[in-house]
């Protein structure tokens, strides 16, 4: 990997202005950004790819019942809620890169007790610790990412971030499917192990350990990443003693709460929707969901163009209307092809909200509060997700998935209206390139 990436990295200049040179056609793609994207690829490859694809299989191999597996899976979200504000404050105080490095080390170490002492209480502790650490890394990622590019290139940077995240997760998932069999071929099983070797707890534990090692490896691209040489806005200087605007944080991040509510009503049920509505097999459902993630990443490439042509708020409103219509179509779909088309468009277009809204929030608070605003946004998103998740299962069982998708459509549209109402008259919503957003 070193021989391939080093020449590429050496071609990029340290300054963000490199993207204007004749050698680069992608705006904002400078050397620090390449280092960050390499870190992000390895992180997603190891955590969301290699480790996540075998995690449930590991629990099953240990004899953990399904209801307990569900609890263990949700405990990372609990850790995420706990990490929200503290991680943002620590990143603002000590720097997003330092917090990311520490978070990756803690995330990797969290797998040790889960693999070496696999009891339910110990695994629960490990899952909470993992949630605390990787959520801290995700919170620090946004301010670190936008600090590496000029303001006019933030939407481009967020698009690159989404594409690389998807690529790492997809390839890591593919690798994780082959690793258990490969690893037991290298490390012999104890004589008392029954069943197929590749389905043993040792095989899955070794795969989880591989994911943990990759988390440590992901730190390496961050170490040589020089601090960006970007001019700070005036309001970012000499404000270290200013009070934290908690009420402003709560008010301006309210759209994140609504976005989390709509996500909690939809993401957990896509698989069940296709299975029950269309009697699709697990293989077909998996293929449909994979297609959705793939298109979600590719659609993100259109975000800079949409922002430039429409402005941020118009782009949020237009894409939200399209997503809402597609969720209505998904709820009403009677054939599998129509359901697939509606799902892919609805999920991928709705996700553009995060790309457009993130720089709006960052601009509203300035560099001094980049990390805290990112952490607060993560907190309210998780709160919204769990609040809706508390009732979504009951509503799906009582009224059907069509009702649930109609509710999601309404929430997506309401989120766009609320975002417009809050930011239409604020200068924070002016795109990084300087074009009016409204």
Protein backbone atom coordinates (compact mmCIF):
# COMPACT_ATOMS: atom_id res chain seq x y z
CA UNK A 1 0.00 0.00 0.00
CA UNK A 2 2.88 2.37 0.76
CA UNK A 3 4.34 2.11 -2.72
CA UNK A 4 0.99 2.98 -4.28
CA UNK A 5 -0.13 5.85 -2.07
CA UNK A 6 3.18 7.63 -1.39
CA UNK A 7 3.67 8.98 -4.94
CA UNK A 8 0.07 10.14 -4.97
CA UNK A 9 0.43 11.92 -1.66
CA UNK A 10 3.69 13.52 -2.74
CA UNK A 11 1.99 15.04 -5.78
CA UNK A 12 -0.38 17.03 -3.60
CA UNK A 13 0.72 20.21 -1.91
CA UNK A 14 0.21 20.88 1.80
CA UNK A 15 -1.86 23.96 1.11
CA UNK A 16 -5.54 23.68 0.20
CA UNK A 17 -4.84 25.97 -2.72
CA UNK A 18 -3.29 22.98 -4.48
CA UNK A 19 -6.68 22.03 -5.87
CA UNK A 20 -6.50 25.04 -8.16
CA UNK A 21 -3.38 23.75 -9.89
CA UNK A 22 -3.42 22.10 -13.25
CA UNK A 23 -2.57 18.72 -11.72
CA UNK A 24 -5.83 18.42 -9.81
CA UNK A 25 -9.34 18.33 -11.14
CA UNK A 26 -11.11 17.54 -7.84
CA UNK A 27 -11.67 20.68 -5.76
CA UNK A 28 -10.24 20.61 -2.26
CA UNK A 29 -8.24 17.38 -2.72
CA UNK A 30 -4.91 18.30 -1.10
CA UNK A 31 -2.30 16.24 0.75
CA UNK A 32 -3.86 16.49 4.25
CA UNK A 33 -7.22 15.55 2.74
CA UNK A 34 -5.72 12.48 1.12
CA UNK A 35 -4.24 11.42 4.45
CA UNK A 36 -7.62 11.90 6.12
CA UNK A 37 -9.46 9.94 3.44
CA UNK A 38 -6.93 7.10 3.72
CA UNK A 39 -7.53 7.01 7.49
CA UNK A 40 -11.28 7.00 6.91
CA UNK A 41 -11.08 4.18 4.37
CA UNK A 42 -9.10 1.91 6.72
CA UNK A 43 -11.36 2.81 9.66
CA UNK A 44 -14.54 1.90 7.76
CA UNK A 45 -12.90 -1.18 6.24
CA UNK A 46 -11.99 -2.50 9.68
CA UNK A 47 -14.97 -1.48 11.82
CA UNK A 48 -18.06 -1.33 9.63
CA UNK A 49 -16.71 -3.91 7.18
CA UNK A 50 -14.57 -6.70 8.64
CA UNK A 51 -15.78 -6.56 12.25
CA UNK A 52 -19.46 -5.78 11.80
CA UNK A 53 -20.14 -8.46 9.18
CA UNK A 54 -19.18 -11.28 11.59
CA UNK A 55 -20.27 -9.75 14.89
CA UNK A 56 -23.70 -11.38 15.06
CA UNK A 57 -22.18 -14.69 13.92
CA UNK A 58 -19.71 -14.43 16.79
CA UNK A 59 -22.52 -13.94 19.28
CA UNK A 60 -24.44 -16.89 17.82
CA UNK A 61 -21.36 -19.12 18.00
CA UNK A 62 -21.20 -18.37 21.72
CA UNK A 63 -24.84 -19.38 22.20
CA UNK A 64 -26.15 -15.87 22.86
CA UNK A 65 -29.96 -15.75 22.33
CA UNK A 66 -31.38 -13.38 19.66
CA UNK A 67 -33.02 -11.00 22.13
CA UNK A 68 -29.69 -10.54 23.93
CA UNK A 69 -27.92 -10.00 20.61
CA UNK A 70 -30.35 -7.18 19.88
CA UNK A 71 -29.49 -5.53 23.20
CA UNK A 72 -25.74 -5.91 22.58
CA UNK A 73 -26.15 -4.31 19.17
CA UNK A 74 -27.95 -1.26 20.56
CA UNK A 75 -25.46 -0.63 23.35
CA UNK A 76 -23.10 1.12 20.95
CA UNK A 77 -25.84 3.72 20.42
CA UNK A 78 -26.00 4.21 24.17
CA UNK A 79 -22.27 4.85 24.12
CA UNK A 80 -22.81 7.26 21.25
CA UNK A 81 -25.33 9.29 23.23
CA UNK A 82 -22.99 9.44 26.21
CA UNK A 83 -20.08 10.55 24.01
CA UNK A 84 -21.88 13.34 22.13
CA UNK A 85 -21.18 16.54 24.06
CA UNK A 86 -18.03 15.44 25.97
CA UNK A 87 -16.32 14.31 22.76
CA UNK A 88 -17.13 17.60 21.05
CA UNK A 89 -15.83 19.65 23.97
CA UNK A 90 -12.63 17.60 24.20
CA UNK A 91 -12.04 17.91 20.46
CA UNK A 92 -12.47 21.69 20.66
CA UNK A 93 -10.02 21.84 23.57
CA UNK A 94 -7.32 19.38 22.50
CA UNK A 95 -7.84 19.15 18.74
CA UNK A 96 -9.91 16.85 16.57
CA UNK A 97 -6.90 14.88 15.31
CA UNK A 98 -5.70 14.01 18.82
CA UNK A 99 -9.19 12.92 19.87
CA UNK A 100 -9.44 10.76 16.74
CA UNK A 101 -6.14 9.01 17.49
CA UNK A 102 -7.11 8.33 21.11
CA UNK A 103 -10.58 7.16 20.03
CA UNK A 104 -9.13 4.65 17.56
CA UNK A 105 -6.83 3.22 20.23
CA UNK A 106 -9.71 2.83 22.70
CA UNK A 107 -11.95 1.32 20.00
CA UNK A 108 -9.32 -1.28 19.15
CA UNK A 109 -8.75 -2.12 22.83
CA UNK A 110 -12.51 -2.52 23.39
CA UNK A 111 -12.40 -5.79 21.42
CA UNK A 112 -9.92 -7.43 23.82
CA UNK A 113 -12.38 -8.20 26.67
CA UNK A 114 -15.11 -9.21 24.22
CA UNK A 115 -12.82 -11.78 22.60
CA UNK A 116 -10.88 -12.97 25.65
CA UNK A 117 -13.70 -12.98 28.26
CA UNK A 118 -16.87 -13.53 26.21
CA UNK A 119 -19.57 -13.31 28.88
CA UNK A 120 -22.65 -11.17 28.30
CA UNK A 121 -21.76 -8.52 30.93
CA UNK A 122 -18.21 -8.21 29.60
CA UNK A 123 -19.41 -8.02 25.99
CA UNK A 124 -21.97 -5.37 27.02
CA UNK A 125 -19.17 -3.30 28.55
CA UNK A 126 -17.10 -3.74 25.40
CA UNK A 127 -19.97 -2.60 23.19
CA UNK A 128 -20.58 0.55 25.25
CA UNK A 129 -16.86 1.33 25.22
CA UNK A 130 -16.77 0.82 21.45
CA UNK A 131 -19.77 3.13 21.03
CA UNK A 132 -18.11 5.83 23.12
CA UNK A 133 -14.88 5.62 21.15
CA UNK A 134 -16.02 5.33 17.55
CA UNK A 135 -18.71 7.97 18.06
CA UNK A 136 -16.02 10.29 19.41
CA UNK A 137 -14.02 9.63 16.24
CA UNK A 138 -17.05 10.35 14.05
CA UNK A 139 -17.78 13.56 15.95
CA UNK A 140 -14.19 14.72 15.51
CA UNK A 141 -14.18 13.72 11.83
CA UNK A 142 -16.39 16.54 10.56
CA UNK A 143 -14.47 19.48 12.08
CA UNK A 144 -11.18 17.81 11.16
CA UNK A 145 -12.38 17.29 7.60
CA UNK A 146 -13.60 20.84 7.02
CA UNK A 147 -10.43 22.27 8.58
CA UNK A 148 -8.44 20.74 5.74
CA UNK A 149 -10.15 22.64 2.91
CA UNK A 150 -11.19 26.14 2.07
CA UNK A 151 -14.80 26.99 3.03
CA UNK A 152 -15.93 26.91 -0.60
CA UNK A 153 -14.85 23.25 -0.85
CA UNK A 154 -16.61 21.90 2.24
CA UNK A 155 -19.43 20.25 0.33
CA UNK A 156 -16.89 18.62 -2.00
CA UNK A 157 -14.98 17.35 1.04
CA UNK A 158 -18.11 15.88 2.60
CA UNK A 159 -18.89 14.13 -0.69
CA UNK A 160 -15.42 12.59 -0.82
CA UNK A 161 -15.86 11.53 2.79
CA UNK A 162 -19.11 9.73 2.02
CA UNK A 163 -17.72 7.93 -1.04
CA UNK A 164 -14.60 6.72 0.76
CA UNK A 165 -16.65 5.60 3.76
CA UNK A 166 -18.90 3.55 1.50
CA UNK A 167 -15.96 2.04 -0.40
CA UNK A 168 -14.21 1.03 2.82
CA UNK A 169 -17.35 -0.51 4.29
CA UNK A 170 -18.23 -2.40 1.10
CA UNK A 171 -14.76 -3.85 0.56
CA UNK A 172 -14.36 -4.59 4.26
CA UNK A 173 -17.66 -6.47 4.27
CA UNK A 174 -16.47 -8.54 1.33
CA UNK A 175 -13.16 -9.30 3.05
CA UNK A 176 -14.88 -10.09 6.35
CA UNK A 177 -16.92 -12.80 4.69
CA UNK A 178 -13.76 -14.68 3.66
CA UNK A 179 -11.56 -14.02 6.70
CA UNK A 180 -12.98 -16.63 9.17
CA UNK A 181 -12.15 -19.53 6.85
CA UNK A 182 -8.78 -18.03 5.94
CA UNK A 183 -7.77 -17.38 9.54
CA UNK A 184 -8.63 -20.86 10.83
CA UNK A 185 -6.42 -22.18 8.08
CA UNK A 186 -3.54 -20.24 9.61
CA UNK A 187 -4.35 -20.73 13.29
CA UNK A 188 -5.34 -24.35 14.08
CA UNK A 189 -8.46 -24.95 16.19
CA UNK A 190 -8.40 -26.72 19.56
CA UNK A 191 -9.32 -30.39 19.39
CA UNK A 192 -12.61 -29.98 21.31
CA UNK A 193 -14.19 -27.55 18.84
CA UNK A 194 -17.20 -29.03 17.05
CA UNK A 195 -18.87 -27.96 13.82
CA UNK A 196 -17.40 -26.26 10.75
CA UNK A 197 -14.11 -24.56 11.70
CA UNK A 198 -15.00 -21.34 9.88
CA UNK A 199 -18.17 -21.03 12.00
CA UNK A 200 -16.44 -21.38 15.35
CA UNK A 201 -16.12 -18.64 17.92
CA UNK A 202 -12.35 -18.77 17.43
CA UNK A 203 -12.68 -18.04 13.70
CA UNK A 204 -15.02 -15.13 14.33
CA UNK A 205 -12.93 -13.89 17.24
CA UNK A 206 -9.83 -13.83 15.06
CA UNK A 207 -11.76 -11.86 12.45
CA UNK A 208 -12.87 -9.35 15.07
CA UNK A 209 -9.27 -9.06 16.21
CA UNK A 210 -8.27 -8.34 12.61
CA UNK A 211 -10.79 -5.50 12.53
CA UNK A 212 -9.34 -4.14 15.78
CA UNK A 213 -5.82 -4.21 14.35
CA UNK A 214 -7.05 -2.28 11.30
CA UNK A 215 -8.39 0.42 13.63
CA UNK A 216 -4.87 0.84 14.97
CA UNK A 217 -3.46 0.86 11.44
CA UNK A 218 -5.92 3.63 10.49
CA UNK A 219 -4.08 5.97 12.86
CA UNK A 220 -0.93 5.93 10.74
CA UNK A 221 -2.16 8.31 7.99
CA UNK A 222 -3.13 10.84 10.67
CA UNK A 223 0.34 11.09 12.17
CA UNK A 224 2.11 12.90 9.29
CA UNK A 225 -0.92 15.06 8.53
CA UNK A 226 0.35 18.61 8.94
CA UNK A 227 -2.05 21.22 10.37
CA UNK A 228 -3.81 23.05 7.52
CA UNK A 229 -2.70 26.55 6.62
CA UNK A 230 -6.10 28.15 6.39
CA UNK A 231 -7.07 31.70 7.21
CA UNK A 232 -9.49 31.84 10.13
CA UNK A 233 -12.56 34.08 10.03
CA UNK A 234 -12.42 37.08 12.31
CA UNK A 235 -15.10 35.74 14.60
CA UNK A 236 -12.98 32.64 15.22
CA UNK A 237 -10.20 34.69 16.83
CA UNK A 238 -9.93 35.88 20.41
CA UNK A 239 -13.11 34.15 21.55
CA UNK A 240 -11.69 31.51 23.86
CA UNK A 241 -13.44 33.07 26.84
CA UNK A 242 -16.85 33.28 25.23
CA UNK A 243 -19.70 31.33 26.77
CA UNK A 244 -21.05 28.23 25.12
CA UNK A 245 -24.39 29.08 23.45
CA UNK A 246 -26.35 26.02 24.59
CA UNK A 247 -29.75 27.44 23.67
CA UNK A 248 -28.50 28.33 20.20
CA UNK A 249 -27.07 24.82 19.84
CA UNK A 250 -30.40 23.25 20.78
CA UNK A 251 -32.38 25.54 18.47
CA UNK A 252 -30.23 25.31 15.36
CA UNK A 253 -29.67 21.55 15.61
CA UNK A 254 -33.40 20.83 15.90
CA UNK A 255 -33.47 19.64 12.24
CA UNK A 256 -30.92 16.97 13.24
CA UNK A 257 -33.42 15.71 15.81
CA UNK A 258 -36.16 15.44 13.17
CA UNK A 259 -33.74 13.77 10.78
CA UNK A 260 -32.90 11.21 13.46
CA UNK A 261 -36.59 10.54 14.10
CA UNK A 262 -37.24 9.79 10.43
CA UNK A 263 -34.13 7.58 10.30
CA UNK A 264 -35.30 5.59 13.32
CA UNK A 265 -38.62 4.94 11.62
CA UNK A 266 -37.07 3.60 8.43
CA UNK A 267 -33.54 2.20 8.65
CA UNK A 268 -34.33 -0.68 11.05
CA UNK A 269 -37.24 -1.88 8.92
CA UNK A 270 -36.13 -1.84 5.30
CA UNK A 271 -35.25 -5.54 5.42
CA UNK A 272 -38.53 -6.53 7.07
CA UNK A 273 -40.47 -4.31 4.67
CA UNK A 274 -39.15 -6.11 1.59
CA UNK A 275 -39.47 -9.52 3.20
CA UNK A 276 -43.08 -9.07 4.32
CA UNK A 277 -44.44 -6.89 1.51
CA UNK A 278 -42.85 -8.78 -1.38
CA UNK A 279 -41.84 -12.09 0.25
CA UNK A 280 -38.25 -11.48 -0.85
CA UNK A 281 -35.56 -13.93 0.24
CA UNK A 282 -32.68 -12.88 2.51
CA UNK A 283 -30.33 -12.87 -0.48
CA UNK A 284 -32.61 -10.57 -2.46
CA UNK A 285 -33.13 -8.28 0.53
CA UNK A 286 -29.38 -8.07 1.10
CA UNK A 287 -28.81 -7.22 -2.55
CA UNK A 288 -31.47 -4.50 -2.45
CA UNK A 289 -30.01 -2.90 0.66
CA UNK A 290 -26.49 -3.07 -0.79
CA UNK A 291 -27.74 -1.34 -3.92
CA UNK A 292 -29.25 1.38 -1.75
CA UNK A 293 -25.94 2.00 0.03
CA UNK A 294 -24.06 2.05 -3.25
CA UNK A 295 -26.38 4.59 -4.86
CA UNK A 296 -26.39 6.61 -1.64
CA UNK A 297 -22.67 7.08 -1.99
CA UNK A 298 -22.78 7.87 -5.70
CA UNK A 299 -25.58 10.42 -5.31
CA UNK A 300 -23.36 12.28 -2.86
CA UNK A 301 -21.14 13.24 -5.78
CA UNK A 302 -23.94 15.46 -7.07
CA UNK A 303 -24.08 17.50 -3.86
CA UNK A 304 -21.49 20.15 -4.83
CA UNK A 305 -23.18 20.69 -8.20
CA UNK A 306 -26.62 21.02 -6.60
CA UNK A 307 -25.31 23.44 -4.00
CA UNK A 308 -23.66 25.57 -6.66
CA UNK A 309 -26.75 25.65 -8.86
CA UNK A 310 -29.41 26.02 -6.18
CA UNK A 311 -27.85 27.11 -2.89
CA UNK A 312 -27.84 25.03 0.26
CA UNK A 313 -31.34 25.67 1.51
CA UNK A 314 -32.95 25.26 -1.88
CA UNK A 315 -31.00 22.03 -2.35
CA UNK A 316 -32.20 20.76 1.04
CA UNK A 317 -35.79 21.65 0.23
CA UNK A 318 -35.79 20.19 -3.29
CA UNK A 319 -34.09 16.92 -2.37
CA UNK A 320 -36.33 16.53 0.68
CA UNK A 321 -39.44 16.91 -1.48
CA UNK A 322 -38.12 14.26 -3.88
CA UNK A 323 -37.29 11.94 -0.98
CA UNK A 324 -40.71 12.45 0.61
CA UNK A 325 -42.48 11.59 -2.67
CA UNK A 326 -40.36 8.45 -3.03
CA UNK A 327 -41.13 7.35 0.53
CA UNK A 328 -44.83 7.72 -0.27
CA UNK A 329 -44.26 5.62 -3.40
CA UNK A 330 -42.36 3.05 -1.33
CA UNK A 331 -45.22 2.74 1.14
CA UNK A 332 -47.71 2.28 -1.69
CA UNK A 333 -45.57 -0.02 -3.88
CA UNK A 334 -47.28 -3.29 -4.84
CA UNK A 335 -44.52 -4.73 -7.03
CA UNK A 336 -40.91 -5.46 -6.12
CA UNK A 337 -39.32 -3.45 -8.98
CA UNK A 338 -41.29 -0.33 -8.01
CA UNK A 339 -40.38 -0.90 -4.38
CA UNK A 340 -36.68 -1.17 -5.24
CA UNK A 341 -36.69 2.01 -7.33
CA UNK A 342 -38.60 3.96 -4.68
CA UNK A 343 -36.35 2.72 -1.87
CA UNK A 344 -33.10 3.47 -3.67
CA UNK A 345 -34.15 7.01 -4.61
CA UNK A 346 -35.76 7.76 -1.24
CA UNK A 347 -32.84 6.57 0.89
CA UNK A 348 -30.07 8.03 -1.25
CA UNK A 349 -31.68 11.43 -1.86
CA UNK A 350 -32.71 11.85 1.78
CA UNK A 351 -29.09 11.27 2.83
CA UNK A 352 -28.06 14.41 0.94
CA UNK A 353 -29.58 16.36 3.82
CA UNK A 354 -26.55 15.48 5.96
CA UNK A 355 -24.10 16.72 3.31
CA UNK A 356 -25.90 20.04 2.86
CA UNK A 357 -26.86 20.68 6.48
CA UNK A 358 -23.48 19.91 8.08
CA UNK A 359 -21.71 23.01 6.68
CA UNK A 360 -24.75 25.13 7.55
CA UNK A 361 -24.37 24.15 11.21
CA UNK A 362 -20.60 24.58 11.19
CA UNK A 363 -20.88 28.07 9.70
CA UNK A 364 -23.51 29.00 12.28
CA UNK A 365 -21.09 28.43 15.16
CA UNK A 366 -17.67 29.10 13.67
CA UNK A 367 -14.37 27.25 14.11
CA UNK A 368 -14.32 27.70 17.90
CA UNK A 369 -17.32 25.39 18.26
CA UNK A 370 -16.90 23.10 15.26
CA UNK A 371 -16.40 19.98 17.36
CA UNK A 372 -18.99 20.84 20.00
CA UNK A 373 -21.66 21.60 17.40
CA UNK A 374 -20.80 18.32 15.67
CA UNK A 375 -21.08 16.45 18.97
CA UNK A 376 -24.35 18.13 19.90
CA UNK A 377 -25.76 17.31 16.48
CA UNK A 378 -24.75 13.66 16.95
CA UNK A 379 -26.42 13.65 20.36
CA UNK A 380 -29.78 14.99 19.19
CA UNK A 381 -29.73 12.71 16.12
CA UNK A 382 -29.27 9.68 18.36
CA UNK A 383 -31.98 10.89 20.72
CA UNK A 384 -34.37 11.26 17.78
CA UNK A 385 -33.42 7.85 16.44
CA UNK A 386 -34.09 6.09 19.72
CA UNK A 387 -37.23 8.08 20.47
CA UNK A 388 -38.80 6.95 17.21
CA UNK A 389 -37.36 3.47 17.56
CA UNK A 390 -39.27 3.06 20.82
CA UNK A 391 -42.60 3.26 19.00
CA UNK A 392 -41.77 2.27 15.42
CA UNK A 393 -41.98 -1.48 16.02
CA UNK A 394 -45.41 -1.12 17.59
CA UNK A 395 -46.66 1.13 14.79
CA UNK A 396 -45.34 -1.25 12.12
CA UNK A 397 -47.09 -4.20 13.78
CA UNK A 398 -50.33 -2.29 14.33
CA UNK A 399 -50.65 -0.24 11.15
CA UNK A 400 -48.23 -1.83 8.68
CA UNK A 401 -45.10 -0.64 6.94
CA UNK A 402 -47.07 1.50 4.52
CA UNK A 403 -48.15 3.72 7.41
CA UNK A 404 -44.55 3.87 8.63
CA UNK A 405 -43.22 4.99 5.25
CA UNK A 406 -45.96 7.62 4.97
CA UNK A 407 -44.93 8.92 8.37
CA UNK A 408 -41.31 9.05 7.24
CA UNK A 409 -42.34 11.02 4.15
CA UNK A 410 -44.17 13.56 6.31
CA UNK A 411 -41.19 13.91 8.66
CA UNK A 412 -38.75 14.41 5.77
CA UNK A 413 -40.91 17.22 4.41
CA UNK A 414 -41.37 18.78 7.87
CA UNK A 415 -37.61 18.66 8.40
CA UNK A 416 -37.08 20.66 5.20
CA UNK A 417 -39.71 23.22 6.23
CA UNK A 418 -38.22 23.63 9.71
CA UNK A 419 -34.70 23.97 8.29
CA UNK A 420 -35.87 26.64 5.89
CA UNK A 421 -37.74 28.49 8.64
CA UNK A 422 -34.72 28.51 10.94
CA UNK A 423 -32.00 29.39 8.45
CA UNK A 424 -33.66 31.31 5.60
CA UNK A 425 -32.76 34.70 7.05
CA UNK A 426 -29.41 33.70 8.52
CA UNK A 427 -26.14 34.45 6.79
CA UNK A 428 -24.92 31.08 8.11
CA UNK A 429 -26.80 29.39 5.28
CA UNK A 430 -24.76 31.13 2.56
CA UNK A 431 -22.78 28.45 0.69
CA UNK A 432 -19.04 28.31 1.07
CA UNK A 433 -18.59 29.61 -2.47
CA UNK A 434 -20.39 32.82 -1.58
CA UNK A 435 -23.55 32.36 -3.66
CA UNK A 436 -26.77 33.21 -1.86
CA UNK A 437 -28.53 30.22 -0.41
CA UNK A 438 -31.99 31.74 -0.47
